[in-house]
Every structure is written in structure tokens, then in C-alpha cells.
Amino acid sequence: MTAEQIIAGVKAKDRLTTEYLYKKYSKALYTVVCRIISNKQIAEEVFHDSFINITRKIQSEYVHDGHFYTWMANICRKFAKEKNKS
């Protein structure tokens, strides 16, 4: 499945596409969070919050520019940095 297909499926609120997105990118995105947050439990919470935010932002904010993974990773980094400050 291409990034365009994933984006279209998530925008259409297709559950299988959202699951595919999670399976395809969760490990890499979780690693992004873990580079900032060393506590595994907190990192998991931050990752899950980030993933939910990603699926919501795809609806309104994502503009396809060929950098889908980078866009998602930036959201995860932002959430992790905000959590690290608190």
C-alpha cells in the first residue's frame, strides 16, 4: 500500500487501513519517541497519543508532499519533547 493509499484510507476512516498504518510504522515511530523518553511506560503512552493525533491530523492538516513518514515522526517528536518538559 502506498502512502497515498494509506492517507486516503485513513481519511475515509477505514479501520483496516488504520491498522495497516499502525503495523507498518509503529515500530519506527515508537523508536523516535524512545530516543527522547527513556521510561518505557511513558514512551508507550506518548507513542499511542501521538498515533491518535496522527490519524486525526491526516483528516485536516496533512498535505501530501512525499514526506509522510517525516511528518508522522515530527508529530511523535513534538509529543515526546512536550512530555519530557513536564
N, C-alpha and C. Protein backbone atom coordinates (compact mmCIF):
# COMPACT_ATOMS: atom_id res chain seq x y z
N MET A 1 0.85 -1.18 0.00
CA MET A 1 0.00 0.00 0.00
C MET A 1 0.90 1.24 0.00
N THR A 2 0.60 2.18 -0.86
CA THR A 2 1.39 3.41 -0.95
C THR A 2 0.96 4.40 0.13
N ALA A 3 1.79 5.40 0.34
CA ALA A 3 1.45 6.44 1.31
C ALA A 3 0.13 7.12 0.92
N GLU A 4 -0.05 7.35 -0.37
CA GLU A 4 -1.29 7.98 -0.84
C GLU A 4 -2.51 7.13 -0.50
N GLN A 5 -2.39 5.82 -0.67
CA GLN A 5 -3.50 4.92 -0.36
C GLN A 5 -3.77 4.88 1.14
N ILE A 6 -2.70 4.90 1.93
CA ILE A 6 -2.87 4.91 3.38
C ILE A 6 -3.58 6.19 3.81
N ILE A 7 -3.12 7.30 3.30
CA ILE A 7 -3.71 8.60 3.66
C ILE A 7 -5.18 8.63 3.27
N ALA A 8 -5.49 8.19 2.06
CA ALA A 8 -6.88 8.18 1.60
C ALA A 8 -7.73 7.26 2.47
N GLY A 9 -7.20 6.10 2.83
CA GLY A 9 -7.94 5.16 3.66
C GLY A 9 -8.20 5.69 5.05
N VAL A 10 -7.19 6.31 5.64
CA VAL A 10 -7.36 6.88 6.98
C VAL A 10 -8.34 8.04 6.93
N LYS A 11 -8.25 8.86 5.89
CA LYS A 11 -9.21 9.96 5.74
C LYS A 11 -10.63 9.44 5.61
N ALA A 12 -10.77 8.28 4.97
CA ALA A 12 -12.09 7.66 4.80
C ALA A 12 -12.51 6.89 6.05
N LYS A 13 -11.65 6.92 7.07
CA LYS A 13 -11.89 6.24 8.35
C LYS A 13 -12.02 4.73 8.19
N ASP A 14 -11.22 4.20 7.27
CA ASP A 14 -11.19 2.76 7.05
C ASP A 14 -10.34 2.11 8.13
N ARG A 15 -10.95 1.25 8.91
CA ARG A 15 -10.29 0.61 10.04
C ARG A 15 -9.10 -0.24 9.60
N LEU A 16 -9.24 -0.98 8.52
CA LEU A 16 -8.15 -1.84 8.06
C LEU A 16 -6.93 -1.03 7.62
N THR A 17 -7.19 0.10 7.00
CA THR A 17 -6.08 0.95 6.58
C THR A 17 -5.38 1.55 7.80
N THR A 18 -6.15 1.94 8.79
CA THR A 18 -5.56 2.48 10.02
C THR A 18 -4.72 1.41 10.71
N GLU A 19 -5.21 0.19 10.72
CA GLU A 19 -4.43 -0.92 11.29
C GLU A 19 -3.15 -1.14 10.49
N TYR A 20 -3.25 -1.05 9.19
CA TYR A 20 -2.07 -1.21 8.33
C TYR A 20 -1.05 -0.11 8.63
N LEU A 21 -1.53 1.12 8.75
CA LEU A 21 -0.66 2.24 9.09
C LEU A 21 0.08 1.95 10.39
N TYR A 22 -0.65 1.47 11.38
CA TYR A 22 -0.05 1.16 12.68
C TYR A 22 1.01 0.06 12.53
N LYS A 23 0.65 -1.01 11.85
CA LYS A 23 1.59 -2.14 11.70
C LYS A 23 2.84 -1.73 10.92
N LYS A 24 2.66 -0.91 9.92
CA LYS A 24 3.78 -0.53 9.07
C LYS A 24 4.74 0.45 9.76
N TYR A 25 4.22 1.38 10.53
CA TYR A 25 5.06 2.46 11.05
C TYR A 25 5.24 2.48 12.57
N SER A 26 4.51 1.67 13.31
CA SER A 26 4.54 1.80 14.77
C SER A 26 5.94 1.57 15.36
N LYS A 27 6.65 0.59 14.88
CA LYS A 27 7.98 0.30 15.45
C LYS A 27 8.93 1.48 15.24
N ALA A 28 8.95 2.01 14.04
CA ALA A 28 9.85 3.13 13.73
C ALA A 28 9.45 4.39 14.51
N LEU A 29 8.15 4.65 14.59
CA LEU A 29 7.70 5.84 15.31
C LEU A 29 7.90 5.71 16.81
N TYR A 30 7.71 4.51 17.32
CA TYR A 30 7.97 4.27 18.75
C TYR A 30 9.45 4.50 19.05
N THR A 31 10.31 4.11 18.15
CA THR A 31 11.75 4.33 18.32
C THR A 31 12.07 5.82 18.38
N VAL A 32 11.38 6.60 17.57
CA VAL A 32 11.56 8.06 17.60
C VAL A 32 11.25 8.59 19.01
N VAL A 33 10.15 8.12 19.58
CA VAL A 33 9.76 8.55 20.92
C VAL A 33 10.78 8.09 21.95
N CYS A 34 11.24 6.85 21.83
CA CYS A 34 12.19 6.29 22.81
C CYS A 34 13.54 7.00 22.80
N ARG A 35 13.88 7.63 21.71
CA ARG A 35 15.13 8.40 21.67
C ARG A 35 15.06 9.63 22.57
N ILE A 36 13.84 10.05 22.87
CA ILE A 36 13.64 11.25 23.68
C ILE A 36 13.23 10.88 25.10
N ILE A 37 12.43 9.84 25.23
CA ILE A 37 11.91 9.43 26.54
C ILE A 37 12.45 8.04 26.86
N SER A 38 13.20 7.94 27.94
CA SER A 38 13.82 6.65 28.27
C SER A 38 12.90 5.72 29.05
N ASN A 39 11.92 6.27 29.74
CA ASN A 39 10.98 5.45 30.50
C ASN A 39 10.03 4.76 29.52
N LYS A 40 10.09 3.43 29.49
CA LYS A 40 9.33 2.65 28.50
C LYS A 40 7.82 2.87 28.61
N GLN A 41 7.30 2.89 29.82
CA GLN A 41 5.86 3.05 30.01
C GLN A 41 5.39 4.42 29.52
N ILE A 42 6.13 5.44 29.85
CA ILE A 42 5.78 6.79 29.40
C ILE A 42 5.93 6.89 27.89
N ALA A 43 6.98 6.28 27.35
CA ALA A 43 7.19 6.30 25.90
C ALA A 43 6.02 5.64 25.17
N GLU A 44 5.52 4.54 25.71
CA GLU A 44 4.37 3.87 25.10
C GLU A 44 3.14 4.77 25.10
N GLU A 45 2.90 5.44 26.22
CA GLU A 45 1.77 6.36 26.32
C GLU A 45 1.90 7.50 25.31
N VAL A 46 3.09 8.06 25.24
CA VAL A 46 3.33 9.17 24.31
C VAL A 46 3.15 8.69 22.87
N PHE A 47 3.67 7.51 22.57
CA PHE A 47 3.52 7.00 21.21
C PHE A 47 2.04 6.82 20.85
N HIS A 48 1.28 6.22 21.75
CA HIS A 48 -0.14 5.99 21.45
C HIS A 48 -0.90 7.31 21.30
N ASP A 49 -0.60 8.28 22.14
CA ASP A 49 -1.22 9.60 22.00
C ASP A 49 -0.82 10.22 20.65
N SER A 50 0.44 10.06 20.29
CA SER A 50 0.92 10.59 19.02
C SER A 50 0.21 9.94 17.84
N PHE A 51 0.05 8.62 17.92
CA PHE A 51 -0.59 7.91 16.81
C PHE A 51 -2.03 8.36 16.63
N ILE A 52 -2.73 8.51 17.72
CA ILE A 52 -4.12 9.01 17.63
C ILE A 52 -4.12 10.40 17.01
N ASN A 53 -3.19 11.22 17.42
CA ASN A 53 -3.09 12.57 16.87
C ASN A 53 -2.78 12.53 15.37
N ILE A 54 -1.92 11.62 14.97
CA ILE A 54 -1.58 11.47 13.54
C ILE A 54 -2.84 11.15 12.74
N THR A 55 -3.63 10.19 13.22
CA THR A 55 -4.82 9.81 12.47
C THR A 55 -5.83 10.95 12.41
N ARG A 56 -5.86 11.77 13.42
CA ARG A 56 -6.77 12.94 13.40
C ARG A 56 -6.25 14.03 12.46
N LYS A 57 -4.95 14.29 12.54
CA LYS A 57 -4.37 15.36 11.71
C LYS A 57 -4.37 15.01 10.23
N ILE A 58 -4.33 13.74 9.91
CA ILE A 58 -4.41 13.35 8.49
C ILE A 58 -5.69 13.90 7.89
N GLN A 59 -6.74 13.92 8.69
CA GLN A 59 -8.04 14.39 8.21
C GLN A 59 -8.00 15.84 7.72
N SER A 60 -7.25 16.67 8.43
CA SER A 60 -7.35 18.10 8.13
C SER A 60 -6.04 18.80 7.81
N GLU A 61 -4.93 18.29 8.30
CA GLU A 61 -3.69 19.05 8.20
C GLU A 61 -2.65 18.49 7.24
N TYR A 62 -2.72 17.21 6.94
CA TYR A 62 -1.66 16.64 6.12
C TYR A 62 -1.84 17.03 4.66
N VAL A 63 -0.79 17.58 4.10
CA VAL A 63 -0.75 17.89 2.67
C VAL A 63 0.33 17.00 2.07
N HIS A 64 -0.07 16.15 1.14
CA HIS A 64 0.89 15.18 0.60
C HIS A 64 2.01 15.89 -0.14
N ASP A 65 3.20 15.71 0.39
CA ASP A 65 4.37 16.29 -0.25
C ASP A 65 5.49 15.27 -0.38
N GLY A 66 5.14 14.00 -0.19
CA GLY A 66 6.13 12.95 -0.33
C GLY A 66 6.93 12.67 0.92
N HIS A 67 6.59 13.32 2.01
CA HIS A 67 7.33 13.17 3.26
C HIS A 67 6.42 12.67 4.38
N PHE A 68 5.65 11.66 4.12
CA PHE A 68 4.65 11.16 5.06
C PHE A 68 5.28 10.67 6.36
N TYR A 69 6.31 9.84 6.26
CA TYR A 69 6.95 9.33 7.47
C TYR A 69 7.55 10.48 8.29
N THR A 70 8.20 11.40 7.63
CA THR A 70 8.82 12.53 8.32
C THR A 70 7.76 13.35 9.05
N TRP A 71 6.63 13.55 8.42
CA TRP A 71 5.53 14.28 9.04
C TRP A 71 5.07 13.57 10.31
N MET A 72 4.91 12.26 10.23
CA MET A 72 4.49 11.48 11.41
C MET A 72 5.56 11.51 12.49
N ALA A 73 6.82 11.35 12.10
CA ALA A 73 7.92 11.35 13.07
C ALA A 73 8.00 12.70 13.79
N ASN A 74 7.76 13.78 13.07
CA ASN A 74 7.78 15.10 13.70
C ASN A 74 6.68 15.25 14.74
N ILE A 75 5.52 14.68 14.48
CA ILE A 75 4.44 14.71 15.47
C ILE A 75 4.87 13.93 16.71
N CYS A 76 5.46 12.77 16.52
CA CYS A 76 5.92 11.96 17.65
C CYS A 76 7.00 12.69 18.44
N ARG A 77 7.93 13.32 17.75
CA ARG A 77 8.99 14.09 18.43
C ARG A 77 8.39 15.22 19.26
N LYS A 78 7.44 15.92 18.68
CA LYS A 78 6.80 17.03 19.38
C LYS A 78 6.12 16.55 20.66
N PHE A 79 5.36 15.47 20.57
CA PHE A 79 4.69 14.93 21.75
C PHE A 79 5.71 14.50 22.80
N ALA A 80 6.77 13.85 22.37
CA ALA A 80 7.79 13.36 23.31
C ALA A 80 8.51 14.53 23.99
N LYS A 81 8.84 15.54 23.24
CA LYS A 81 9.53 16.71 23.82
C LYS A 81 8.62 17.43 24.80
N GLU A 82 7.34 17.54 24.47
CA GLU A 82 6.40 18.19 25.38
C GLU A 82 6.27 17.39 26.67
N LYS A 83 6.23 16.07 26.56
CA LYS A 83 6.13 15.22 27.75
C LYS A 83 7.41 15.30 28.58
N ASN A 84 8.53 15.40 27.92
CA ASN A 84 9.82 15.49 28.61
C ASN A 84 9.93 16.78 29.42
N LYS A 85 9.28 17.84 28.96
CA LYS A 85 9.31 19.12 29.68
C LYS A 85 8.51 19.07 30.97
N SER A 86 7.47 18.24 30.98
CA SER A 86 6.60 18.21 32.17
C SER A 86 7.12 17.33 33.27
